[in-house]
Amino acid sequence: MKVGLMGFGKTGKAVASVLLQSDEVKLQWVVRRSHNLEHRSVPEFLGINARDPGMIYSFEEYTAQQLLDRLPVDVIIDFSSEQGVDYYGEEARGRKIAVVSAISEYSPEKREYLKYLAEETRVVWSPNITIGINFLMIAAKVLKNIAPYTDIEIVEEHFKGKPEVSGTARKIALALGLPEGAIKTIRAGGIIGIHEILFGFPYQTVRLKHESITREAFGNGVLFAARHVIEQEAGLYGMEDLMIPYFNLGG
């Protein structure tokens, strides 16, 4: 499976390292806004022995059409910004290239645009694309359905400089029908990300907790999403849609 990567910040670099070490995918290119590192080899830059082309280009050097004519891909993975989809969207739709987006938030207009792309190709959008956090969310909804009378609290912890409430925590609250005020935030040191859901029963407590140890966790989620969405029909999917079939423990 040939993939292209949008964005090469801290998380993008971690995702690229996972892609380069996977036998399932071939990293064709990376596109970023900055001209820094332009024409550098990603495997060389990251110190990973890989045969993937993996060259870095800027948004301004090639149009998406030119880049995809030269280096076609099956899946575009987006860790850039809300505007990243403007670069590749029409080409992905026209060529039916699958899209896996981990952008934390889109404007209403951009969400509609994702739906437009999904009319012709497969699109996965997951603000937190780690396997663990999406498993946690599904498990939490199952538990709430079993015991809707429980007290539920959400606690999220991140690095000291993160100003806003975690988008993942807001998504958890929305999925559980809770107000944003139910979210407790902790900011300390260099915590990458911890999310905990506490269910307070009268005579017992259940805690569902996920911790991102390194940003490579996002790369594992991307591989899962790319592998599974490529098998789907055109449409807009979340990680939950791809993971739910694994909750069938029968047989």
Protein backbone atom coordinates (compact mmCIF):
# COMPACT_ATOMS: atom_id res chain seq x y z
CA MET A 1 0.00 0.00 0.00
CA LYS A 2 1.51 3.34 -1.07
CA VAL A 3 0.92 6.29 1.25
CA GLY A 4 1.62 10.01 1.34
CA LEU A 5 1.92 12.04 4.54
CA MET A 6 0.74 15.62 5.07
CA GLY A 7 2.56 17.37 7.90
CA PHE A 8 5.97 16.80 9.44
CA GLY A 9 5.82 18.31 12.91
CA LYS A 10 6.59 16.30 16.06
CA THR A 11 3.66 13.95 15.54
CA GLY A 12 4.19 13.76 11.77
CA LYS A 13 7.80 12.70 12.28
CA ALA A 14 6.75 10.01 14.77
CA VAL A 15 4.08 8.72 12.37
CA ALA A 16 6.59 8.70 9.50
CA SER A 17 8.99 6.58 11.55
CA VAL A 18 6.25 3.97 12.15
CA LEU A 19 5.28 3.97 8.46
CA LEU A 20 8.89 3.49 7.37
CA GLN A 21 9.33 0.50 9.68
CA SER A 22 6.13 -1.20 8.53
CA ASP A 23 6.10 -3.94 5.91
CA GLU A 24 2.49 -3.04 5.06
CA VAL A 25 3.06 0.40 3.53
CA LYS A 26 5.49 2.34 1.37
CA LEU A 27 5.94 6.03 2.19
CA GLN A 28 6.01 7.83 -1.14
CA TRP A 29 6.28 11.44 0.01
CA VAL A 30 5.80 14.00 2.77
CA VAL A 31 4.31 17.46 2.11
CA ARG A 32 4.73 20.33 4.57
CA ARG A 33 4.21 24.10 4.48
CA SER A 34 7.77 25.01 5.36
CA HIS A 35 10.59 24.95 2.81
CA ASN A 36 12.89 23.62 5.53
CA LEU A 37 14.03 20.06 4.80
CA GLU A 38 12.77 20.37 1.22
CA HIS A 39 14.10 17.49 -0.90
CA ARG A 40 15.47 15.72 2.15
CA SER A 41 14.97 11.98 2.41
CA VAL A 42 12.68 11.08 5.31
CA PRO A 43 14.44 7.74 6.02
CA GLU A 44 17.80 9.52 6.02
CA PHE A 45 16.53 12.39 8.18
CA LEU A 46 15.05 10.00 10.76
CA GLY A 47 17.97 7.59 10.60
CA ILE A 48 15.83 4.66 9.46
CA ASN A 49 17.01 2.10 6.93
CA ALA A 50 14.18 1.95 4.38
CA ARG A 51 13.85 1.76 0.61
CA ASP A 52 10.81 4.04 0.51
CA PRO A 53 11.23 7.16 -1.66
CA GLY A 54 9.96 9.32 1.21
CA MET A 55 11.13 12.70 -0.06
CA ILE A 56 9.97 15.93 1.59
CA TYR A 57 8.26 18.59 -0.54
CA SER A 58 6.61 21.93 0.24
CA PHE A 59 3.02 22.88 -0.59
CA GLU A 60 4.29 25.43 -3.10
CA GLU A 61 6.64 23.19 -5.08
CA TYR A 62 4.09 20.88 -6.68
CA THR A 63 0.34 20.89 -7.03
CA ALA A 64 -1.37 17.77 -5.73
CA GLN A 65 -2.03 16.77 -9.33
CA GLN A 66 1.65 17.04 -10.26
CA LEU A 67 2.79 15.19 -7.16
CA LEU A 68 0.27 12.36 -7.53
CA ASP A 69 1.04 11.96 -11.22
CA ARG A 70 4.68 11.56 -10.29
CA LEU A 71 4.30 9.58 -7.07
CA PRO A 72 0.80 8.03 -6.85
CA VAL A 73 -0.57 6.76 -3.53
CA ASP A 74 -3.44 4.63 -2.28
CA VAL A 75 -3.91 6.58 0.96
CA ILE A 76 -3.21 10.15 2.05
CA ILE A 77 -2.53 10.54 5.78
CA ASP A 78 -3.12 14.03 7.14
CA PHE A 79 -1.38 15.38 10.25
CA SER A 80 -0.99 18.91 8.88
CA SER A 81 -3.73 21.46 9.62
CA GLU A 82 -7.36 22.18 8.86
CA GLN A 83 -6.26 23.72 5.54
CA GLY A 84 -4.31 20.65 4.44
CA VAL A 85 -7.35 19.08 2.80
CA ASP A 86 -7.59 22.05 0.44
CA TYR A 87 -4.31 20.94 -1.13
CA TYR A 88 -5.22 17.34 -1.94
CA GLY A 89 -9.00 17.11 -1.59
CA GLU A 90 -10.13 17.33 -5.21
CA GLU A 91 -7.40 14.99 -6.42
CA ALA A 92 -8.22 12.45 -3.72
CA ARG A 93 -11.89 12.58 -4.66
CA GLY A 94 -11.29 12.32 -8.39
CA ARG A 95 -8.71 9.54 -8.12
CA LYS A 96 -10.62 7.78 -5.30
CA ILE A 97 -7.60 7.91 -3.01
CA ALA A 98 -8.49 7.03 0.58
CA VAL A 99 -7.91 9.74 3.20
CA VAL A 100 -6.99 9.21 6.85
CA SER A 101 -7.19 12.51 8.74
CA ALA A 102 -6.10 12.99 12.35
CA ILE A 103 -6.73 16.75 12.39
CA SER A 104 -7.97 17.62 15.87
CA GLU A 105 -10.76 19.94 14.73
CA TYR A 106 -12.41 21.09 11.51
CA SER A 107 -14.70 24.06 10.95
CA PRO A 108 -18.30 23.23 9.94
CA GLU A 109 -17.40 24.14 6.35
CA LYS A 110 -14.47 21.75 6.31
CA ARG A 111 -16.62 18.97 7.82
CA GLU A 112 -19.04 19.42 4.95
CA TYR A 113 -16.11 19.25 2.56
CA LEU A 114 -15.04 15.91 4.07
CA LYS A 115 -18.56 14.63 3.45
CA TYR A 116 -18.26 15.84 -0.14
CA LEU A 117 -15.00 13.92 -0.59
CA ALA A 118 -16.60 10.85 0.98
CA GLU A 119 -19.20 10.75 -1.78
CA GLU A 120 -16.52 9.37 -4.09
CA THR A 121 -13.81 7.93 -1.85
CA ARG A 122 -13.19 6.58 1.64
CA VAL A 123 -12.43 9.12 4.35
CA VAL A 124 -11.50 8.42 7.96
CA TRP A 125 -11.51 11.34 10.37
CA SER A 126 -10.39 10.70 13.93
CA PRO A 127 -9.12 13.60 16.11
CA ASN A 128 -7.25 11.05 18.24
CA ILE A 129 -6.36 8.13 16.03
CA THR A 130 -4.66 5.92 18.61
CA ILE A 131 -6.14 2.45 18.86
CA GLY A 132 -6.23 2.66 22.66
CA ILE A 133 -8.25 5.86 22.99
CA ASN A 134 -10.84 4.65 20.50
CA PHE A 135 -11.14 1.32 22.30
CA LEU A 136 -11.63 3.30 25.53
CA MET A 137 -14.44 5.33 23.98
CA ILE A 138 -16.29 2.28 22.69
CA ALA A 139 -15.90 0.48 26.02
CA ALA A 140 -17.17 3.57 27.88
CA LYS A 141 -20.31 3.76 25.75
CA VAL A 142 -20.96 0.06 26.30
CA LEU A 143 -20.61 0.47 30.06
CA LYS A 144 -22.90 3.52 30.10
CA ASN A 145 -25.53 1.52 28.21
CA ILE A 146 -25.25 -1.25 30.78
CA ALA A 147 -25.45 1.11 33.75
CA PRO A 148 -26.86 4.53 32.71
CA TYR A 149 -27.38 5.56 36.35
CA THR A 150 -23.65 5.78 37.20
CA ASP A 151 -21.75 8.97 38.00
CA ILE A 152 -19.24 9.70 35.23
CA GLU A 153 -16.22 11.99 35.35
CA ILE A 154 -13.62 12.64 32.65
CA VAL A 155 -10.05 13.61 33.53
CA GLU A 156 -7.52 14.69 30.92
CA GLU A 157 -3.82 15.42 31.52
CA HIS A 158 -1.43 17.12 29.09
CA PHE A 159 1.81 19.06 28.98
CA LYS A 160 1.94 22.35 30.84
CA GLY A 161 1.81 24.55 27.72
CA LYS A 162 -1.43 23.12 26.32
CA PRO A 163 -4.00 25.91 26.83
CA GLU A 164 -7.31 24.45 25.70
CA VAL A 165 -9.38 21.51 26.88
CA SER A 166 -8.36 18.36 25.04
CA GLY A 167 -10.34 17.79 21.86
CA THR A 168 -10.32 14.08 22.63
CA ALA A 169 -11.84 14.73 26.06
CA ARG A 170 -14.55 16.87 24.47
CA LYS A 171 -15.27 14.08 22.03
CA ILE A 172 -15.53 11.59 24.91
CA ALA A 173 -17.95 13.90 26.72
CA LEU A 174 -20.07 14.28 23.60
CA ALA A 175 -20.14 10.52 23.03
CA LEU A 176 -21.30 9.95 26.62
CA GLY A 177 -23.85 12.76 26.59
CA LEU A 178 -21.98 14.83 29.19
CA PRO A 179 -21.41 18.59 29.31
CA GLU A 180 -17.91 19.93 28.79
CA GLY A 181 -18.00 20.96 32.43
CA ALA A 182 -17.69 17.29 33.35
CA ILE A 183 -14.09 17.38 32.11
CA LYS A 184 -11.33 17.93 34.69
CA THR A 185 -8.01 19.17 33.28
CA ILE A 186 -4.47 18.75 34.59
CA ARG A 187 -1.47 20.53 33.06
CA ALA A 188 1.97 19.46 34.20
CA GLY A 189 5.43 18.91 32.78
CA GLY A 190 5.68 17.14 29.46
CA ILE A 191 2.71 14.78 29.69
CA ILE A 192 1.87 13.73 26.12
CA GLY A 193 -1.71 12.76 26.87
CA ILE A 194 -3.69 10.87 29.51
CA HIS A 195 -7.45 10.40 29.39
CA GLU A 196 -9.41 8.69 32.14
CA ILE A 197 -13.13 7.99 32.46
CA LEU A 198 -14.33 7.26 35.98
CA PHE A 199 -17.61 5.42 36.53
CA GLY A 200 -18.83 5.77 40.09
CA PHE A 201 -21.21 2.96 41.06
CA PRO A 202 -22.79 2.83 44.54
CA TYR A 203 -20.53 -0.02 45.67
CA GLN A 204 -17.70 -0.06 43.14
CA THR A 205 -15.69 2.14 40.83
CA VAL A 206 -14.57 1.44 37.28
CA ARG A 207 -11.75 3.45 35.71
CA LEU A 208 -10.98 3.36 32.00
CA LYS A 209 -7.62 4.97 31.34
CA HIS A 210 -5.46 5.55 28.29
CA GLU A 211 -1.97 7.03 28.23
CA SER A 212 0.02 7.97 25.14
CA ILE A 213 3.60 7.10 26.05
CA THR A 214 5.10 8.38 22.80
CA ARG A 215 3.68 9.94 19.65
CA GLU A 216 4.42 6.76 17.72
CA ALA A 217 1.08 5.53 19.11
CA PHE A 218 -0.56 7.68 16.44
CA GLY A 219 1.40 5.78 13.78
CA ASN A 220 -0.03 2.47 14.97
CA GLY A 221 -3.52 3.93 14.72
CA VAL A 222 -2.84 5.24 11.22
CA LEU A 223 -1.71 1.81 10.04
CA PHE A 224 -4.88 0.24 11.45
CA ALA A 225 -7.09 2.88 9.81
CA ALA A 226 -5.34 2.69 6.43
CA ARG A 227 -5.43 -1.09 6.36
CA HIS A 228 -9.14 -1.27 7.13
CA VAL A 229 -10.56 1.73 5.29
CA ILE A 230 -9.02 0.63 2.00
CA GLU A 231 -11.45 -2.31 2.10
CA GLN A 232 -14.54 -0.13 2.59
CA GLU A 233 -16.99 1.50 0.22
CA ALA A 234 -16.90 5.27 -0.29
CA GLY A 235 -18.05 7.09 2.82
CA LEU A 236 -17.03 9.03 5.93
CA TYR A 237 -15.81 6.83 8.78
CA GLY A 238 -14.52 7.19 12.30
CA MET A 239 -12.11 4.81 14.00
CA GLU A 240 -15.09 3.41 15.90
CA ASP A 241 -16.64 2.23 12.62
CA LEU A 242 -13.49 0.27 11.82
CA MET A 243 -13.06 -1.18 15.32
CA ILE A 244 -16.65 -2.18 16.19
CA PRO A 245 -16.50 -5.46 14.20
CA TYR A 246 -13.76 -6.64 16.60
CA PHE A 247 -16.21 -6.39 19.50
CA ASN A 248 -18.10 -9.38 18.12
CA LEU A 249 -16.65 -12.09 20.33
CA GLY A 250 -18.97 -14.81 19.09
CA GLY A 251 -17.62 -17.84 17.27
